[in-house]
Amino acid sequence: MDLENKTLLLTGGTGSFGTAFIDHVRQRFSGLTIRVFSRDELKQSELHKRFGDDGMRYFIGDIRDRDRLIRACQGVDVVIHAAAMKQVPACEYNPSEAVATNVIGAQNLVDAATTAGVERVIALSTDKAVNPVNLYGATKLCMEKTIVQGNAYAGAGPTRLACVRYGNVVGSRGSVVPLFREQAATGRITITDPRMTRFWIALSQAVDVVLFALTNATGGEIFVPKLPSMKVTDLAAAMAPDAEIDVIGIRPGEKLHEAMLTVDESHHTVDVGEYFVVLPEHPWWVDQPAWMEGKPLDEGFSYSSDSNDWWLTVPELRSLIG
């Protein structure tokens, strides 16, 4: 989708993804107006120092506030939904808050976008939404379902909604990379379990996934990029090869391995090259089924970090982290 001269609303726009996304699209598209929607005035002021006023608007608001979202969506062509509570321990300890933001907030966005006639909505999800074992993953699974079914609410209107789902973002706030970097200075790194594996994606790749979805979504898809896996022990070796390692045990709500596609989802998923596309099972809102050129997946296929055929080596991890 061409964003030239469009108006885009970015929820959670002051986060790691939001900052990278703004930086990328401002360089690529002229005449684009970006409305940053978030509840942290300090982070918005810091974003303002970086990007200024040219083509930028700064909305203080919370996605729990349906009326404020409806106001923010007026005159908007595209919404990128990145706002969420995403820290697993915080969600476990504050379940009602996580539900209010990640689930009710998503429904508020569907209501606001369809009311305002927004053309496209792309929501960011996570591999933790697949077979969730913690509340964060469960709320993001609910978010996916809400966004996909939001197309039914849109009906014959112009709004079409879709999701992207990807793994751990290299160096994002609250991720393991800043933690390991801090611990490396002490000469001792903590690892929950040496068997642990994760999918790995750079911020720039995450932006590309969203732009791919924005260009190709017809409503109700979940776009899953093909990503490399990494072993947490290899990450520790890349960041602090001489550090001692303490194994502290898996935390509540943590998995040994992550998945991005289940066997059941693979029945309605196609392979389109660099991406898997999970298709909606009952997309009555489109006249022509999308992604007919995609290749169906083999029976019993699943996509998990431990059975991946693409692995990052220690030198590659070191290069990625910088």
C-alpha atoms as a PDB file:
ATOM      1  CA  MET A   1       0.000   0.000   0.000  1.00  0.00           C
ATOM      2  CA  ASP A   2       1.341   3.397  -0.972  1.00  0.00           C
ATOM      3  CA  LEU A   3       1.471   5.689   2.064  1.00  0.00           C
ATOM      4  CA  GLU A   4       2.196   8.844   0.065  1.00  0.00           C
ATOM      5  CA  ASN A   5       0.001  11.673   1.364  1.00  0.00           C
ATOM      6  CA  LYS A   6      -1.828   9.327   3.737  1.00  0.00           C
ATOM      7  CA  THR A   7      -2.655   9.813   7.404  1.00  0.00           C
ATOM      8  CA  LEU A   8      -1.461   6.988   9.654  1.00  0.00           C
ATOM      9  CA  LEU A   9      -2.306   6.361  13.309  1.00  0.00           C
ATOM     10  CA  LEU A  10       0.353   4.477  15.264  1.00  0.00           C
ATOM     11  CA  THR A  11      -0.796   3.184  18.635  1.00  0.00           C
ATOM     12  CA  GLY A  12       2.000   2.532  21.097  1.00  0.00           C
ATOM     13  CA  GLY A  13       4.110   4.745  18.869  1.00  0.00           C
ATOM     14  CA  THR A  14       6.753   5.585  21.466  1.00  0.00           C
ATOM     15  CA  GLY A  15       7.973   1.986  21.837  1.00  0.00           C
ATOM     16  CA  SER A  16      10.970   0.364  20.155  1.00  0.00           C
ATOM     17  CA  PHE A  17       8.967  -0.739  17.126  1.00  0.00           C
ATOM     18  CA  GLY A  18       7.117   2.561  16.838  1.00  0.00           C
ATOM     19  CA  THR A  19      10.314   4.603  16.768  1.00  0.00           C
ATOM     20  CA  ALA A  20      11.881   2.356  14.110  1.00  0.00           C
ATOM     21  CA  PHE A  21       8.680   2.378  12.059  1.00  0.00           C
ATOM     22  CA  ILE A  22       8.403   6.179  12.110  1.00  0.00           C
ATOM     23  CA  ASP A  23      12.044   6.550  11.103  1.00  0.00           C
ATOM     24  CA  HIS A  24      11.599   4.167   8.160  1.00  0.00           C
ATOM     25  CA  VAL A  25       8.323   5.410   6.694  1.00  0.00           C
ATOM     26  CA  ARG A  26       9.259   9.087   6.996  1.00  0.00           C
ATOM     27  CA  GLN A  27      12.273   8.414   4.781  1.00  0.00           C
ATOM     28  CA  ARG A  28      10.328   6.314   2.297  1.00  0.00           C
ATOM     29  CA  PHE A  29       7.017   8.157   1.856  1.00  0.00           C
ATOM     30  CA  SER A  30       6.456  11.852   1.225  1.00  0.00           C
ATOM     31  CA  GLY A  31       3.411  13.736   2.424  1.00  0.00           C
ATOM     32  CA  LEU A  32       2.725  11.152   5.126  1.00  0.00           C
ATOM     33  CA  THR A  33       1.166  12.377   8.375  1.00  0.00           C
ATOM     34  CA  ILE A  34       1.762  10.183  11.430  1.00  0.00           C
ATOM     35  CA  ARG A  35      -0.397  10.416  14.533  1.00  0.00           C
ATOM     36  CA  VAL A  36       1.443   8.925  17.498  1.00  0.00           C
ATOM     37  CA  PHE A  37      -1.047   7.599  20.044  1.00  0.00           C
ATOM     38  CA  SER A  38       0.265   6.649  23.498  1.00  0.00           C
ATOM     39  CA  ARG A  39      -0.288   7.377  27.173  1.00  0.00           C
ATOM     40  CA  ASP A  40       3.255   8.403  28.178  1.00  0.00           C
ATOM     41  CA  GLU A  41       3.791  12.134  27.808  1.00  0.00           C
ATOM     42  CA  LEU A  42       7.505  11.904  28.663  1.00  0.00           C
ATOM     43  CA  LYS A  43       8.184   9.396  25.881  1.00  0.00           C
ATOM     44  CA  GLN A  44       6.127  11.535  23.495  1.00  0.00           C
ATOM     45  CA  SER A  45       8.238  14.577  24.345  1.00  0.00           C
ATOM     46  CA  GLU A  46      11.387  12.549  23.681  1.00  0.00           C
ATOM     47  CA  LEU A  47       9.919  11.400  20.354  1.00  0.00           C
ATOM     48  CA  HIS A  48       9.093  15.028  19.530  1.00  0.00           C
ATOM     49  CA  LYS A  49      12.717  16.020  20.125  1.00  0.00           C
ATOM     50  CA  ARG A  50      13.786  13.403  17.587  1.00  0.00           C
ATOM     51  CA  PHE A  51      11.159  13.865  14.857  1.00  0.00           C
ATOM     52  CA  GLY A  52       9.766  17.355  15.423  1.00  0.00           C
ATOM     53  CA  ASP A  53       6.423  18.593  14.107  1.00  0.00           C
ATOM     54  CA  ASP A  54       6.789  18.126  10.354  1.00  0.00           C
ATOM     55  CA  GLY A  55       4.244  15.466   9.407  1.00  0.00           C
ATOM     56  CA  MET A  56       3.957  14.404  13.051  1.00  0.00           C
ATOM     57  CA  ARG A  57       1.050  14.660  15.475  1.00  0.00           C
ATOM     58  CA  TYR A  58       1.183  13.574  19.123  1.00  0.00           C
ATOM     59  CA  PHE A  59      -1.982  12.216  20.739  1.00  0.00           C
ATOM     60  CA  ILE A  60      -2.007  11.475  24.465  1.00  0.00           C
ATOM     61  CA  GLY A  61      -4.485   8.667  24.942  1.00  0.00           C
ATOM     62  CA  ASP A  62      -5.047   5.122  26.120  1.00  0.00           C
ATOM     63  CA  ILE A  63      -6.449   2.359  23.916  1.00  0.00           C
ATOM     64  CA  ARG A  64      -8.719   1.481  26.829  1.00  0.00           C
ATOM     65  CA  ASP A  65     -10.521   4.773  26.111  1.00  0.00           C
ATOM     66  CA  ARG A  66     -12.863   3.989  23.219  1.00  0.00           C
ATOM     67  CA  ASP A  67     -14.025   7.590  22.751  1.00  0.00           C
ATOM     68  CA  ARG A  68     -10.473   8.902  22.543  1.00  0.00           C
ATOM     69  CA  LEU A  69      -9.615   6.246  19.970  1.00  0.00           C
ATOM     70  CA  ILE A  70     -12.638   7.173  17.875  1.00  0.00           C
ATOM     71  CA  ARG A  71     -11.474  10.790  17.911  1.00  0.00           C
ATOM     72  CA  ALA A  72      -7.909   9.802  17.012  1.00  0.00           C
ATOM     73  CA  CYS A  73      -9.140   7.677  14.070  1.00  0.00           C
ATOM     74  CA  GLN A  74     -11.063  10.499  12.397  1.00  0.00           C
ATOM     75  CA  GLY A  75      -9.577  11.196   8.968  1.00  0.00           C
ATOM     76  CA  VAL A  76      -7.104   8.306   9.257  1.00  0.00           C
ATOM     77  CA  ASP A  77      -6.321   6.016   6.316  1.00  0.00           C
ATOM     78  CA  VAL A  78      -4.175   3.405   8.092  1.00  0.00           C
ATOM     79  CA  VAL A  79      -3.757   2.201  11.676  1.00  0.00           C
ATOM     80  CA  ILE A  80      -0.710   0.293  12.913  1.00  0.00           C
ATOM     81  CA  HIS A  81      -1.603  -1.169  16.295  1.00  0.00           C
ATOM     82  CA  ALA A  82       1.523  -1.664  18.421  1.00  0.00           C
ATOM     83  CA  ALA A  83       0.171  -0.650  21.846  1.00  0.00           C
ATOM     84  CA  ALA A  84       0.231  -3.453  24.417  1.00  0.00           C
ATOM     85  CA  MET A  85       1.263  -4.602  27.841  1.00  0.00           C
ATOM     86  CA  LYS A  86       4.011  -7.055  26.906  1.00  0.00           C
ATOM     87  CA  GLN A  87       6.136  -7.780  29.977  1.00  0.00           C
ATOM     88  CA  VAL A  88       5.254 -11.340  31.003  1.00  0.00           C
ATOM     89  CA  PRO A  89       5.780 -10.889  34.781  1.00  0.00           C
ATOM     90  CA  ALA A  90       3.754  -7.648  34.809  1.00  0.00           C
ATOM     91  CA  CYS A  91       0.882  -9.330  32.954  1.00  0.00           C
ATOM     92  CA  GLU A  92       0.972 -12.329  35.299  1.00  0.00           C
ATOM     93  CA  TYR A  93       0.795 -10.088  38.369  1.00  0.00           C
ATOM     94  CA  ASN A  94      -1.764  -7.676  36.907  1.00  0.00           C
ATOM     95  CA  PRO A  95      -4.100  -9.856  34.825  1.00  0.00           C
ATOM     96  CA  SER A  96      -7.038  -7.448  34.733  1.00  0.00           C
ATOM     97  CA  GLU A  97      -4.755  -4.673  33.474  1.00  0.00           C
ATOM     98  CA  ALA A  98      -3.344  -6.896  30.717  1.00  0.00           C
ATOM     99  CA  VAL A  99      -6.843  -7.885  29.597  1.00  0.00           C
ATOM    100  CA  ALA A 100      -8.035  -4.261  29.651  1.00  0.00           C
ATOM    101  CA  THR A 101      -5.160  -3.134  27.423  1.00  0.00           C
ATOM    102  CA  ASN A 102      -4.489  -6.086  25.136  1.00  0.00           C
ATOM    103  CA  VAL A 103      -8.024  -7.463  24.680  1.00  0.00           C
ATOM    104  CA  ILE A 104     -10.522  -4.683  25.400  1.00  0.00           C
ATOM    105  CA  GLY A 105      -8.136  -2.201  23.788  1.00  0.00           C
ATOM    106  CA  ALA A 106      -8.152  -4.269  20.586  1.00  0.00           C
ATOM    107  CA  GLN A 107     -11.961  -4.324  20.530  1.00  0.00           C
ATOM    108  CA  ASN A 108     -11.990  -0.560  21.087  1.00  0.00           C
ATOM    109  CA  LEU A 109      -9.676  -0.184  18.102  1.00  0.00           C
ATOM    110  CA  VAL A 110     -11.929  -2.323  15.901  1.00  0.00           C
ATOM    111  CA  ASP A 111     -14.901  -0.176  16.908  1.00  0.00           C
ATOM    112  CA  ALA A 112     -13.008   3.085  16.341  1.00  0.00           C
ATOM    113  CA  ALA A 113     -11.520   2.065  12.986  1.00  0.00           C
ATOM    114  CA  THR A 114     -14.792   0.749  11.561  1.00  0.00           C
ATOM    115  CA  THR A 115     -16.699   3.790  12.840  1.00  0.00           C
ATOM    116  CA  ALA A 116     -14.195   6.157  11.227  1.00  0.00           C
ATOM    117  CA  GLY A 117     -13.942   4.173   7.975  1.00  0.00           C
ATOM    118  CA  VAL A 118     -10.201   3.523   8.276  1.00  0.00           C
ATOM    119  CA  GLU A 119      -8.987   1.684   5.188  1.00  0.00           C
ATOM    120  CA  ARG A 120      -6.417  -0.689   6.738  1.00  0.00           C
ATOM    121  CA  VAL A 121      -5.581  -1.854  10.252  1.00  0.00           C
ATOM    122  CA  ILE A 122      -2.476  -3.966  10.934  1.00  0.00           C
ATOM    123  CA  ALA A 123      -2.047  -5.259  14.488  1.00  0.00           C
ATOM    124  CA  LEU A 124       1.204  -6.599  15.938  1.00  0.00           C
ATOM    125  CA  SER A 125       1.122 -10.004  17.609  1.00  0.00           C
ATOM    126  CA  THR A 126       3.744 -12.392  18.955  1.00  0.00           C
ATOM    127  CA  ASP A 127       4.800 -16.027  18.879  1.00  0.00           C
ATOM    128  CA  LYS A 128       3.673 -16.172  22.512  1.00  0.00           C
ATOM    129  CA  ALA A 129       0.075 -16.100  21.222  1.00  0.00           C
ATOM    130  CA  VAL A 130       0.593 -19.616  19.828  1.00  0.00           C
ATOM    131  CA  ASN A 131      -0.308 -22.306  22.388  1.00  0.00           C
ATOM    132  CA  PRO A 132      -0.027 -19.662  25.134  1.00  0.00           C
ATOM    133  CA  VAL A 133       1.211 -20.625  28.588  1.00  0.00           C
ATOM    134  CA  ASN A 134       1.139 -17.130  30.104  1.00  0.00           C
ATOM    135  CA  LEU A 135      -1.425 -14.367  30.299  1.00  0.00           C
ATOM    136  CA  TYR A 136       0.454 -12.128  27.898  1.00  0.00           C
ATOM    137  CA  GLY A 137       0.292 -14.802  25.198  1.00  0.00           C
ATOM    138  CA  ALA A 138      -3.362 -15.498  25.968  1.00  0.00           C
ATOM    139  CA  THR A 139      -4.306 -11.833  25.636  1.00  0.00           C
ATOM    140  CA  LYS A 140      -2.446 -11.547  22.346  1.00  0.00           C
ATOM    141  CA  LEU A 141      -4.275 -14.637  21.067  1.00  0.00           C
ATOM    142  CA  CYS A 142      -7.546 -12.914  21.990  1.00  0.00           C
ATOM    143  CA  MET A 143      -6.286  -9.792  20.238  1.00  0.00           C
ATOM    144  CA  GLU A 144      -5.644 -11.780  17.047  1.00  0.00           C
ATOM    145  CA  LYS A 145      -9.129 -13.288  17.141  1.00  0.00           C
ATOM    146  CA  THR A 146     -10.666  -9.863  17.763  1.00  0.00           C
ATOM    147  CA  ILE A 147      -8.797  -8.242  14.866  1.00  0.00           C
ATOM    148  CA  VAL A 148      -9.541 -11.064  12.418  1.00  0.00           C
ATOM    149  CA  GLN A 149     -13.234 -11.131  13.280  1.00  0.00           C
ATOM    150  CA  GLY A 150     -13.288  -7.336  13.159  1.00  0.00           C
ATOM    151  CA  ASN A 151     -13.647  -7.749   9.408  1.00  0.00           C
ATOM    152  CA  ALA A 152     -17.111  -9.152  10.019  1.00  0.00           C
ATOM    153  CA  TYR A 153     -17.998  -6.005  11.970  1.00  0.00           C
ATOM    154  CA  ALA A 154     -16.697  -3.918   9.075  1.00  0.00           C
ATOM    155  CA  GLY A 155     -18.932  -5.874   6.693  1.00  0.00           C
ATOM    156  CA  ALA A 156     -19.349  -4.041   3.409  1.00  0.00           C
ATOM    157  CA  GLY A 157     -17.507  -0.985   4.745  1.00  0.00           C
ATOM    158  CA  PRO A 158     -14.001   0.027   3.662  1.00  0.00           C
ATOM    159  CA  THR A 159     -12.121  -1.208   6.736  1.00  0.00           C
ATOM    160  CA  ARG A 160      -9.989  -4.344   6.479  1.00  0.00           C
ATOM    161  CA  LEU A 161      -7.981  -5.658   9.411  1.00  0.00           C
ATOM    162  CA  ALA A 162      -5.091  -8.136   9.642  1.00  0.00           C
ATOM    163  CA  CYS A 163      -2.278  -9.180  11.987  1.00  0.00           C
ATOM    164  CA  VAL A 164       1.439  -9.842  11.880  1.00  0.00           C
ATOM    165  CA  ARG A 165       3.003 -12.399  14.203  1.00  0.00           C
ATOM    166  CA  TYR A 166       6.741 -12.623  14.839  1.00  0.00           C
ATOM    167  CA  GLY A 167       9.354 -13.592  17.429  1.00  0.00           C
ATOM    168  CA  ASN A 168      11.727 -11.828  19.795  1.00  0.00           C
ATOM    169  CA  VAL A 169      12.909  -8.446  18.537  1.00  0.00           C
ATOM    170  CA  VAL A 170      16.664  -7.917  18.837  1.00  0.00           C
ATOM    171  CA  GLY A 171      17.437  -5.290  21.453  1.00  0.00           C
ATOM    172  CA  SER A 172      13.870  -4.127  22.105  1.00  0.00           C
ATOM    173  CA  ARG A 173      13.144  -2.612  25.492  1.00  0.00           C
ATOM    174  CA  GLY A 174      12.725  -5.282  28.162  1.00  0.00           C
ATOM    175  CA  SER A 175      14.277  -8.035  26.000  1.00  0.00           C
ATOM    176  CA  VAL A 176      17.145 -10.338  26.954  1.00  0.00           C
ATOM    177  CA  VAL A 177      19.813  -8.425  25.004  1.00  0.00           C
ATOM    178  CA  PRO A 178      19.842  -5.330  27.259  1.00  0.00           C
ATOM    179  CA  LEU A 179      19.777  -7.661  30.277  1.00  0.00           C
ATOM    180  CA  PHE A 180      22.744  -9.712  29.053  1.00  0.00           C
ATOM    181  CA  ARG A 181      24.616  -6.526  28.161  1.00  0.00           C
ATOM    182  CA  GLU A 182      24.162  -5.239  31.702  1.00  0.00           C
ATOM    183  CA  GLN A 183      25.093  -8.568  33.255  1.00  0.00           C
ATOM    184  CA  ALA A 184      28.152  -8.990  31.001  1.00  0.00           C
ATOM    185  CA  ALA A 185      29.806  -6.077  32.780  1.00  0.00           C
ATOM    186  CA  THR A 186      29.663  -8.073  36.021  1.00  0.00           C
ATOM    187  CA  GLY A 187      31.210 -11.203  34.486  1.00  0.00           C
ATOM    188  CA  ARG A 188      28.181 -13.342  35.325  1.00  0.00           C
ATOM    189  CA  ILE A 189      25.096 -14.054  33.157  1.00  0.00           C
ATOM    190  CA  THR A 190      21.844 -15.685  34.278  1.00  0.00           C
ATOM    191  CA  ILE A 191      20.111 -18.196  31.991  1.00  0.00           C
ATOM    192  CA  THR A 192      16.787 -19.767  32.884  1.00  0.00           C
ATOM    193  CA  ASP A 193      17.438 -23.012  30.980  1.00  0.00           C
ATOM    194  CA  PRO A 194      20.331 -23.896  28.626  1.00  0.00           C
ATOM    195  CA  ARG A 195      17.968 -25.786  26.305  1.00  0.00           C
ATOM    196  CA  MET A 196      15.946 -22.648  25.533  1.00  0.00           C
ATOM    197  CA  THR A 197      15.497 -21.490  21.916  1.00  0.00           C
ATOM    198  CA  ARG A 198      13.803 -18.459  20.406  1.00  0.00           C
ATOM    199  CA  PHE A 199      12.902 -16.977  17.017  1.00  0.00           C
ATOM    200  CA  TRP A 200      14.893 -13.834  16.270  1.00  0.00           C
ATOM    201  CA  ILE A 201      14.010 -10.736  14.265  1.00  0.00           C
ATOM    202  CA  ALA A 202      15.631  -7.314  13.863  1.00  0.00           C
ATOM    203  CA  LEU A 203      13.578  -4.144  14.271  1.00  0.00           C
ATOM    204  CA  SER A 204      14.106  -3.276  10.610  1.00  0.00           C
ATOM    205  CA  GLN A 205      12.707  -6.688   9.624  1.00  0.00           C
ATOM    206  CA  ALA A 206       9.703  -6.175  11.900  1.00  0.00           C
ATOM    207  CA  VAL A 207       8.972  -2.933  10.043  1.00  0.00           C
ATOM    208  CA  ASP A 208       9.241  -4.769   6.710  1.00  0.00           C
ATOM    209  CA  VAL A 209       6.762  -7.432   7.902  1.00  0.00           C
ATOM    210  CA  VAL A 210       4.209  -4.756   8.779  1.00  0.00           C
ATOM    211  CA  LEU A 211       4.651  -2.991   5.440  1.00  0.00           C
ATOM    212  CA  PHE A 212       4.259  -6.321   3.595  1.00  0.00           C
ATOM    213  CA  ALA A 213       1.018  -6.964   5.452  1.00  0.00           C
ATOM    214  CA  LEU A 214      -0.166  -3.437   4.786  1.00  0.00           C
ATOM    215  CA  THR A 215       0.418  -3.889   1.060  1.00  0.00           C
ATOM    216  CA  ASN A 216      -1.034  -7.375   0.731  1.00  0.00           C
ATOM    217  CA  ALA A 217      -3.778  -7.811   3.339  1.00  0.00           C
ATOM    218  CA  THR A 218      -7.313  -8.335   2.091  1.00  0.00           C
ATOM    219  CA  GLY A 219      -8.751  -8.826   5.585  1.00  0.00           C
ATOM    220  CA  GLY A 220      -8.362 -11.443   8.300  1.00  0.00           C
ATOM    221  CA  GLU A 221      -4.887 -12.779   7.518  1.00  0.00           C
ATOM    222  CA  ILE A 222      -2.086 -13.364  10.012  1.00  0.00           C
ATOM    223  CA  PHE A 223       1.299 -12.802   8.370  1.00  0.00           C
ATOM    224  CA  VAL A 224       4.147 -14.897   9.797  1.00  0.00           C
ATOM    225  CA  PRO A 225       7.691 -14.199   8.546  1.00  0.00           C
ATOM    226  CA  LYS A 226      10.181 -17.038   8.166  1.00  0.00           C
ATOM    227  CA  LEU A 227      12.807 -16.326  10.805  1.00  0.00           C
ATOM    228  CA  PRO A 228      15.998 -17.881  12.151  1.00  0.00           C
ATOM    229  CA  SER A 229      16.165 -19.504  15.569  1.00  0.00           C
ATOM    230  CA  MET A 230      18.855 -19.023  18.170  1.00  0.00           C
ATOM    231  CA  LYS A 231      19.961 -20.856  21.305  1.00  0.00           C
ATOM    232  CA  VAL A 232      20.075 -18.729  24.425  1.00  0.00           C
ATOM    233  CA  THR A 233      23.457 -20.260  25.250  1.00  0.00           C
ATOM    234  CA  ASP A 234      24.785 -19.074  21.870  1.00  0.00           C
ATOM    235  CA  LEU A 235      23.489 -15.563  22.602  1.00  0.00           C
ATOM    236  CA  ALA A 236      25.341 -15.593  25.920  1.00  0.00           C
ATOM    237  CA  ALA A 237      28.495 -16.768  24.165  1.00  0.00           C
ATOM    238  CA  ALA A 238      28.149 -14.007  21.571  1.00  0.00           C
ATOM    239  CA  MET A 239      27.679 -11.254  24.134  1.00  0.00           C
ATOM    240  CA  ALA A 240      29.933 -12.388  26.982  1.00  0.00           C
ATOM    241  CA  PRO A 241      32.150 -15.314  25.966  1.00  0.00           C
ATOM    242  CA  ASP A 242      34.201 -15.173  29.163  1.00  0.00           C
ATOM    243  CA  ALA A 243      31.331 -14.722  31.625  1.00  0.00           C
ATOM    244  CA  GLU A 244      30.249 -17.366  34.089  1.00  0.00           C
ATOM    245  CA  ILE A 245      26.709 -18.668  33.595  1.00  0.00           C
ATOM    246  CA  ASP A 246      24.173 -19.205  36.362  1.00  0.00           C
ATOM    247  CA  VAL A 247      21.207 -21.441  35.494  1.00  0.00           C
ATOM    248  CA  ILE A 248      18.293 -20.086  37.543  1.00  0.00           C
ATOM    249  CA  GLY A 249      15.351 -22.144  36.225  1.00  0.00           C
ATOM    250  CA  ILE A 250      12.390 -21.302  34.004  1.00  0.00           C
ATOM    251  CA  ARG A 251      10.258 -18.445  35.274  1.00  0.00           C
ATOM    252  CA  PRO A 252       6.457 -18.660  35.621  1.00  0.00           C
ATOM    253  CA  GLY A 253       4.805 -18.363  32.220  1.00  0.00           C
ATOM    254  CA  GLU A 254       7.981 -19.072  30.258  1.00  0.00           C
ATOM    255  CA  LYS A 255       8.423 -21.705  27.538  1.00  0.00           C
ATOM    256  CA  LEU A 256      11.490 -23.689  26.558  1.00  0.00           C
ATOM    257  CA  HIS A 257      10.675 -23.119  22.883  1.00  0.00           C
ATOM    258  CA  GLU A 258       8.311 -20.825  20.998  1.00  0.00           C
ATOM    259  CA  ALA A 259       6.007 -21.622  18.086  1.00  0.00           C
ATOM    260  CA  MET A 260       4.635 -19.421  15.322  1.00  0.00           C
ATOM    261  CA  LEU A 261       2.320 -21.912  13.636  1.00  0.00           C
ATOM    262  CA  THR A 262       0.393 -24.836  15.077  1.00  0.00           C
ATOM    263  CA  VAL A 263      -0.553 -28.031  13.258  1.00  0.00           C
ATOM    264  CA  ASP A 264      -4.202 -26.960  13.349  1.00  0.00           C
ATOM    265  CA  GLU A 265      -3.411 -23.540  11.855  1.00  0.00           C
ATOM    266  CA  SER A 266      -1.344 -25.108   9.094  1.00  0.00           C
ATOM    267  CA  HIS A 267      -4.548 -26.531   7.574  1.00  0.00           C
ATOM    268  CA  HIS A 268      -5.518 -23.009   6.505  1.00  0.00           C
ATOM    269  CA  THR A 269      -2.053 -21.509   5.979  1.00  0.00           C
ATOM    270  CA  VAL A 270      -0.149 -20.993   2.729  1.00  0.00           C
ATOM    271  CA  ASP A 271       3.544 -20.535   2.004  1.00  0.00           C
ATOM    272  CA  VAL A 272       4.179 -17.410  -0.094  1.00  0.00           C
ATOM    273  CA  GLY A 273       7.990 -17.415  -0.091  1.00  0.00           C
ATOM    274  CA  GLU A 274       9.375 -15.309   2.744  1.00  0.00           C
ATOM    275  CA  TYR A 275       6.116 -15.563   4.694  1.00  0.00           C
ATOM    276  CA  PHE A 276       3.463 -17.942   5.867  1.00  0.00           C
ATOM    277  CA  VAL A 277      -0.038 -16.488   5.642  1.00  0.00           C
ATOM    278  CA  VAL A 278      -2.672 -17.851   8.021  1.00  0.00           C
ATOM    279  CA  LEU A 279      -5.951 -17.415   6.176  1.00  0.00           C
ATOM    280  CA  PRO A 280      -9.268 -16.641   7.877  1.00  0.00           C
ATOM    281  CA  GLU A 281     -11.469 -19.714   7.909  1.00  0.00           C
ATOM    282  CA  HIS A 282     -14.736 -17.955   7.009  1.00  0.00           C
ATOM    283  CA  PRO A 283     -13.830 -14.787   5.066  1.00  0.00           C
ATOM    284  CA  TRP A 284     -17.274 -13.895   3.804  1.00  0.00           C
ATOM    285  CA  TRP A 285     -16.265 -10.225   3.699  1.00  0.00           C
ATOM    286  CA  VAL A 286     -14.211 -10.742   0.513  1.00  0.00           C
ATOM    287  CA  ASP A 287     -15.643 -11.673  -2.894  1.00  0.00           C
ATOM    288  CA  GLN A 288     -12.569 -13.568  -4.054  1.00  0.00           C
ATOM    289  CA  PRO A 289     -10.483 -15.799  -1.760  1.00  0.00           C
ATOM    290  CA  ALA A 290      -7.011 -14.322  -1.365  1.00  0.00           C
ATOM    291  CA  TRP A 291      -3.614 -15.976  -1.673  1.00  0.00           C
ATOM    292  CA  MET A 292      -4.677 -18.574  -4.192  1.00  0.00           C
ATOM    293  CA  GLU A 293      -1.101 -18.550  -5.497  1.00  0.00           C
ATOM    294  CA  GLY A 294       0.211 -19.656  -2.081  1.00  0.00           C
ATOM    295  CA  LYS A 295       1.482 -23.180  -1.557  1.00  0.00           C
ATOM    296  CA  PRO A 296      -0.494 -25.293   0.941  1.00  0.00           C
ATOM    297  CA  LEU A 297       1.554 -26.670   3.836  1.00  0.00           C
ATOM    298  CA  ASP A 298       2.280 -30.353   4.343  1.00  0.00           C
ATOM    299  CA  GLU A 299      -0.034 -32.328   6.582  1.00  0.00           C
ATOM    300  CA  GLY A 300       1.059 -32.051  10.203  1.00  0.00           C
ATOM    301  CA  PHE A 301       3.331 -29.045   9.604  1.00  0.00           C
ATOM    302  CA  SER A 302       4.174 -26.799  12.547  1.00  0.00           C
ATOM    303  CA  TYR A 303       6.698 -23.998  12.908  1.00  0.00           C
ATOM    304  CA  SER A 304       8.604 -23.874  16.186  1.00  0.00           C
ATOM    305  CA  SER A 305      11.944 -22.472  17.297  1.00  0.00           C
ATOM    306  CA  ASP A 306      13.465 -25.836  18.252  1.00  0.00           C
ATOM    307  CA  SER A 307      12.606 -27.641  14.986  1.00  0.00           C
ATOM    308  CA  ASN A 308      13.556 -24.782  12.671  1.00  0.00           C
ATOM    309  CA  ASP A 309      16.005 -25.466   9.830  1.00  0.00           C
ATOM    310  CA  TRP A 310      17.546 -21.966  10.032  1.00  0.00           C
ATOM    311  CA  TRP A 311      19.842 -21.220  12.990  1.00  0.00           C
ATOM    312  CA  LEU A 312      21.944 -18.205  13.871  1.00  0.00           C
ATOM    313  CA  THR A 313      25.568 -18.939  14.747  1.00  0.00           C
ATOM    314  CA  VAL A 314      27.512 -17.193  17.504  1.00  0.00           C
ATOM    315  CA  PRO A 315      29.335 -14.919  14.980  1.00  0.00           C
ATOM    316  CA  GLU A 316      26.025 -14.053  13.297  1.00  0.00           C
ATOM    317  CA  LEU A 317      24.457 -13.194  16.644  1.00  0.00           C
ATOM    318  CA  ARG A 318      27.431 -11.039  17.550  1.00  0.00           C
ATOM    319  CA  SER A 319      27.114  -9.210  14.236  1.00  0.00           C
ATOM    320  CA  LEU A 320      23.372  -8.660  14.685  1.00  0.00           C
ATOM    321  CA  ILE A 321      23.736  -7.253  18.195  1.00  0.00           C
ATOM    322  CA  GLY A 322      26.590  -4.943  17.208  1.00  0.00           C
END
